[in-house]
Protein backbone atom coordinates (compact mmCIF):
# COMPACT_ATOMS: atom_id res chain seq x y z
CA UNK A 1 -51.94 -103.85 -17.25
CA UNK A 2 -52.99 -100.36 -15.88
CA UNK A 3 -50.92 -97.50 -17.34
CA UNK A 4 -50.45 -93.86 -16.37
CA UNK A 5 -49.04 -91.39 -18.99
CA UNK A 6 -47.13 -88.17 -18.24
CA UNK A 7 -46.11 -85.86 -20.95
CA UNK A 8 -46.10 -82.00 -21.44
CA UNK A 9 -47.65 -82.43 -24.93
CA UNK A 10 -51.27 -83.34 -25.07
CA UNK A 11 -50.93 -84.62 -28.56
CA UNK A 12 -48.43 -87.23 -27.41
CA UNK A 13 -50.78 -88.33 -24.59
CA UNK A 14 -53.67 -88.46 -27.12
CA UNK A 15 -51.53 -90.71 -29.50
CA UNK A 16 -50.60 -93.02 -26.64
CA UNK A 17 -54.28 -93.42 -25.47
CA UNK A 18 -55.55 -93.94 -28.97
CA UNK A 19 -52.85 -96.53 -29.60
CA UNK A 20 -53.06 -98.45 -26.31
CA UNK A 21 -56.84 -98.42 -26.10
CA UNK A 22 -56.83 -100.62 -29.17
CA UNK A 23 -54.37 -103.07 -27.63
CA UNK A 24 -55.52 -106.06 -25.62
CA UNK A 25 -54.01 -106.25 -22.08
CA UNK A 26 -53.45 -102.47 -21.68
CA UNK A 27 -55.80 -100.06 -19.84
CA UNK A 28 -55.15 -96.36 -19.48
CA UNK A 29 -55.80 -95.50 -15.74
CA UNK A 30 -55.12 -91.68 -16.16
CA UNK A 31 -52.78 -89.12 -17.66
CA UNK A 32 -51.38 -85.59 -17.05
CA UNK A 33 -49.07 -82.91 -18.32
CA UNK A 34 -46.87 -82.58 -15.12
CA UNK A 35 -44.97 -84.79 -12.57
CA UNK A 36 -46.43 -82.71 -9.79
CA UNK A 37 -50.00 -83.56 -10.68
CA UNK A 38 -48.80 -87.20 -11.35
CA UNK A 39 -47.30 -87.40 -7.81
CA UNK A 40 -50.38 -86.12 -6.20
CA UNK A 41 -52.59 -88.65 -8.13
CA UNK A 42 -50.23 -91.56 -7.49
CA UNK A 43 -50.24 -90.88 -3.82
CA UNK A 44 -53.87 -92.11 -3.83
CA UNK A 45 -53.82 -94.57 -6.88
CA UNK A 46 -51.55 -97.39 -8.00
CA UNK A 47 -50.88 -98.49 -11.38
CA UNK A 48 -48.79 -101.30 -13.01
CA UNK A 49 -46.74 -98.98 -15.31
CA UNK A 50 -45.93 -95.35 -15.83
CA UNK A 51 -45.06 -93.87 -19.33
CA UNK A 52 -43.25 -90.58 -18.73
CA UNK A 53 -41.09 -88.04 -20.56
CA UNK A 54 -38.18 -86.71 -18.69
CA UNK A 55 -37.77 -83.28 -20.28
CA UNK A 56 -39.99 -80.85 -18.27
CA UNK A 57 -39.71 -77.14 -17.59
CA UNK A 58 -39.22 -76.41 -13.96
CA UNK A 59 -39.70 -80.08 -12.83
CA UNK A 60 -37.02 -82.61 -11.65
CA UNK A 61 -37.79 -86.03 -13.27
CA UNK A 62 -35.10 -87.78 -11.28
CA UNK A 63 -36.76 -86.90 -8.05
CA UNK A 64 -40.04 -87.98 -9.33
CA UNK A 65 -38.67 -91.46 -10.47
CA UNK A 66 -37.10 -91.74 -6.91
CA UNK A 67 -40.25 -90.85 -5.14
CA UNK A 68 -42.37 -93.31 -7.45
CA UNK A 69 -39.98 -96.20 -6.82
CA UNK A 70 -40.08 -95.45 -2.99
CA UNK A 71 -43.92 -95.18 -2.95
CA UNK A 72 -44.75 -97.93 -5.26
CA UNK A 73 -41.83 -100.31 -5.46
CA UNK A 74 -43.51 -102.73 -7.98
CA UNK A 75 -44.59 -99.96 -10.42
CA UNK A 76 -42.82 -100.06 -13.57
CA UNK A 77 -41.53 -97.08 -15.42
CA UNK A 78 -41.07 -96.63 -19.21
CA UNK A 79 -39.22 -93.45 -20.39
CA UNK A 80 -40.63 -92.12 -23.74
CA UNK A 81 -38.50 -89.07 -24.56
CA UNK A 82 -36.73 -87.00 -27.12
CA UNK A 83 -33.70 -87.04 -24.86
CA UNK A 84 -30.76 -89.17 -26.23
CA UNK A 85 -27.71 -88.40 -24.10
CA UNK A 86 -26.38 -91.75 -23.13
CA UNK A 87 -25.12 -90.65 -19.65
CA UNK A 88 -28.55 -89.34 -18.81
CA UNK A 89 -30.18 -92.61 -20.08
CA UNK A 90 -27.74 -94.85 -17.90
CA UNK A 91 -28.31 -92.82 -14.79
CA UNK A 92 -32.04 -93.41 -15.26
CA UNK A 93 -31.57 -97.10 -15.49
CA UNK A 94 -29.48 -96.88 -12.25
CA UNK A 95 -32.43 -95.20 -10.64
CA UNK A 96 -34.52 -98.33 -11.56
CA UNK A 97 -36.50 -97.56 -14.84
CA UNK A 98 -37.56 -100.58 -16.66
CA UNK A 99 -37.49 -99.37 -20.30
CA UNK A 100 -36.39 -96.51 -22.58
CA UNK A 101 -37.83 -95.55 -25.93
CA UNK A 102 -36.89 -92.57 -28.01
CA UNK A 103 -39.89 -90.62 -29.47
CA UNK A 104 -38.69 -90.84 -33.06
CA UNK A 105 -39.61 -94.52 -33.00
CA UNK A 106 -42.86 -95.62 -34.42
CA UNK A 107 -45.76 -96.98 -32.26
CA UNK A 108 -44.75 -100.60 -32.77
CA UNK A 109 -41.75 -100.03 -30.73
CA UNK A 110 -43.69 -98.62 -27.91
CA UNK A 111 -45.94 -101.57 -27.79
CA UNK A 112 -42.95 -103.88 -28.05
CA UNK A 113 -41.38 -102.20 -25.00
CA UNK A 114 -44.54 -102.39 -22.98
CA UNK A 115 -45.04 -106.07 -23.80
CA UNK A 116 -41.44 -106.67 -22.83
CA UNK A 117 -41.88 -104.97 -19.50
CA UNK A 118 -45.28 -106.70 -18.83
CA UNK A 119 -43.42 -110.03 -19.27
CA UNK A 120 -41.07 -109.09 -16.49
CA UNK A 121 -38.15 -107.99 -18.64
CA UNK A 122 -36.42 -104.67 -19.07
CA UNK A 123 -36.47 -102.99 -22.47
CA UNK A 124 -33.44 -101.49 -24.26
CA UNK A 125 -34.01 -100.42 -27.89
CA UNK A 126 -31.66 -101.18 -30.78
CA UNK A 127 -30.25 -97.78 -30.93
CA UNK A 128 -29.48 -97.52 -27.26
CA UNK A 129 -27.74 -100.96 -27.32
CA UNK A 130 -25.57 -99.79 -30.03
CA UNK A 131 -24.71 -96.45 -28.42
CA UNK A 132 -23.76 -98.40 -25.16
CA UNK A 133 -21.67 -101.01 -27.08
CA UNK A 134 -19.81 -98.06 -28.79
CA UNK A 135 -19.18 -96.50 -25.38
CA UNK A 136 -18.12 -99.95 -24.05
CA UNK A 137 -15.64 -100.47 -26.65
CA UNK A 138 -14.39 -96.90 -27.52
CA UNK A 139 -14.56 -94.84 -24.43
CA UNK A 140 -11.15 -93.46 -23.23
CA UNK A 141 -12.52 -94.02 -19.62
CA UNK A 142 -11.99 -97.81 -20.17
CA UNK A 143 -8.21 -97.26 -20.28
CA UNK A 144 -8.26 -96.16 -16.79
CA UNK A 145 -9.34 -99.62 -15.57
CA UNK A 146 -6.87 -102.26 -16.13
CA UNK A 147 -9.16 -105.35 -15.28
CA UNK A 148 -11.69 -103.89 -17.71
CA UNK A 149 -9.03 -103.49 -20.36
CA UNK A 150 -8.18 -107.12 -19.93
CA UNK A 151 -11.76 -108.27 -20.23
CA UNK A 152 -12.20 -106.34 -23.47
CA UNK A 153 -8.86 -107.65 -24.87
CA UNK A 154 -10.17 -111.21 -24.25
CA UNK A 155 -13.02 -110.63 -26.80
CA UNK A 156 -12.24 -112.15 -30.18
CA UNK A 157 -12.73 -110.46 -33.52
CA UNK A 158 -15.56 -112.90 -34.30
CA UNK A 159 -17.17 -112.09 -30.99
CA UNK A 160 -16.94 -108.40 -31.88
CA UNK A 161 -18.70 -109.12 -35.15
CA UNK A 162 -21.47 -111.05 -33.17
CA UNK A 163 -21.76 -108.06 -30.67
CA UNK A 164 -22.31 -105.54 -33.55
CA UNK A 165 -24.91 -107.64 -35.01
CA UNK A 166 -26.75 -108.15 -31.76
CA UNK A 167 -26.62 -104.32 -31.40
CA UNK A 168 -28.08 -104.01 -34.78
CA UNK A 169 -31.04 -106.11 -33.49
CA UNK A 170 -30.26 -109.40 -35.28
CA UNK A 171 -31.30 -112.59 -33.68
CA UNK A 172 -29.10 -115.75 -33.76
CA UNK A 173 -30.53 -117.17 -36.99
CA UNK A 174 -29.90 -113.85 -38.78
CA UNK A 175 -26.27 -113.69 -37.27
CA UNK A 176 -25.77 -117.15 -38.44
CA UNK A 177 -26.80 -116.18 -42.00
CA UNK A 178 -24.82 -112.97 -42.16
CA UNK A 179 -21.54 -114.56 -40.80
CA UNK A 180 -21.94 -117.97 -42.53
CA UNK A 181 -21.72 -119.90 -39.31
CA UNK A 182 -24.07 -122.40 -37.71
CA UNK A 183 -26.79 -121.29 -35.26
CA UNK A 184 -25.07 -123.35 -32.43
CA UNK A 185 -21.80 -121.46 -32.97
CA UNK A 186 -23.68 -118.21 -32.75
CA UNK A 187 -25.24 -119.33 -29.49
CA UNK A 188 -21.81 -120.32 -28.23
CA UNK A 189 -20.38 -116.80 -29.13
CA UNK A 190 -23.27 -115.10 -27.30
CA UNK A 191 -22.68 -117.27 -24.21
CA UNK A 192 -19.00 -116.43 -24.26
CA UNK A 193 -19.55 -112.81 -24.65
CA UNK A 194 -22.05 -112.52 -21.84
CA UNK A 195 -19.80 -114.50 -19.65
CA UNK A 196 -16.64 -112.39 -20.48
CA UNK A 197 -18.55 -109.20 -19.75
CA UNK A 198 -20.44 -110.94 -16.82
CA UNK A 199 -23.75 -109.69 -18.14
CA UNK A 200 -27.06 -111.66 -18.92
CA UNK A 201 -28.68 -109.59 -21.65
CA UNK A 202 -28.62 -106.19 -23.49
CA UNK A 203 -29.77 -104.30 -20.33
CA UNK A 204 -26.73 -105.68 -18.68
CA UNK A 205 -24.68 -103.63 -21.12
CA UNK A 206 -26.21 -100.54 -19.51
CA UNK A 207 -25.29 -101.70 -16.06
CA UNK A 208 -21.86 -102.73 -17.19
CA UNK A 209 -21.17 -99.24 -18.58
CA UNK A 210 -22.31 -97.55 -15.36
CA UNK A 211 -20.44 -99.90 -13.14
CA UNK A 212 -17.11 -99.25 -15.06
CA UNK A 213 -17.66 -95.56 -15.53
CA UNK A 214 -17.50 -95.98 -19.35
CA UNK A 215 -19.92 -93.12 -20.07
CA UNK A 216 -18.53 -89.59 -20.08
CA UNK A 217 -20.31 -87.12 -17.77
């Protein structure tokens, strides 16, 4: 997987280059400190994935992401940032990014995200999943939508417990152990939760929140 890195801070770039150069399956194709320079380079070159910060002085990351998705539709984008406002994050997923990692995470989370995206999936970290679920269940905006309220009301207390543990990053075996229920029962709860919310996975929670205007502007 060929990767291009964009960050204003050279120390971040150097760290990513050092990390990924030692990992099989990843190749650093280039890097820069600005979206403007990145746009010029990407007009002539194509990569599999872009890692980019979204906090830049005098630059518009939203327009950059739009232009990249238009220029190279199949190029994946992983956001690596200190930004943690949930509305901003969900807007970025709406633009078509493929993953989001906050910079305070350790290097293994970055590798996990890249591997996930490389395998054709989108990546949403544990903290973001939890924030989205909290917005999903607690946002006052949800009261404006009767059908959404009915959907949330249909979720049982046990399913809420399972949801919270999923957001905490627990797998089905761990949930089974914590709730003292069988593995198959956990899988049934998972299936019912996703069916009720009409989602497939954790990333679906992001889209669900966007679709139903659950995130405050």
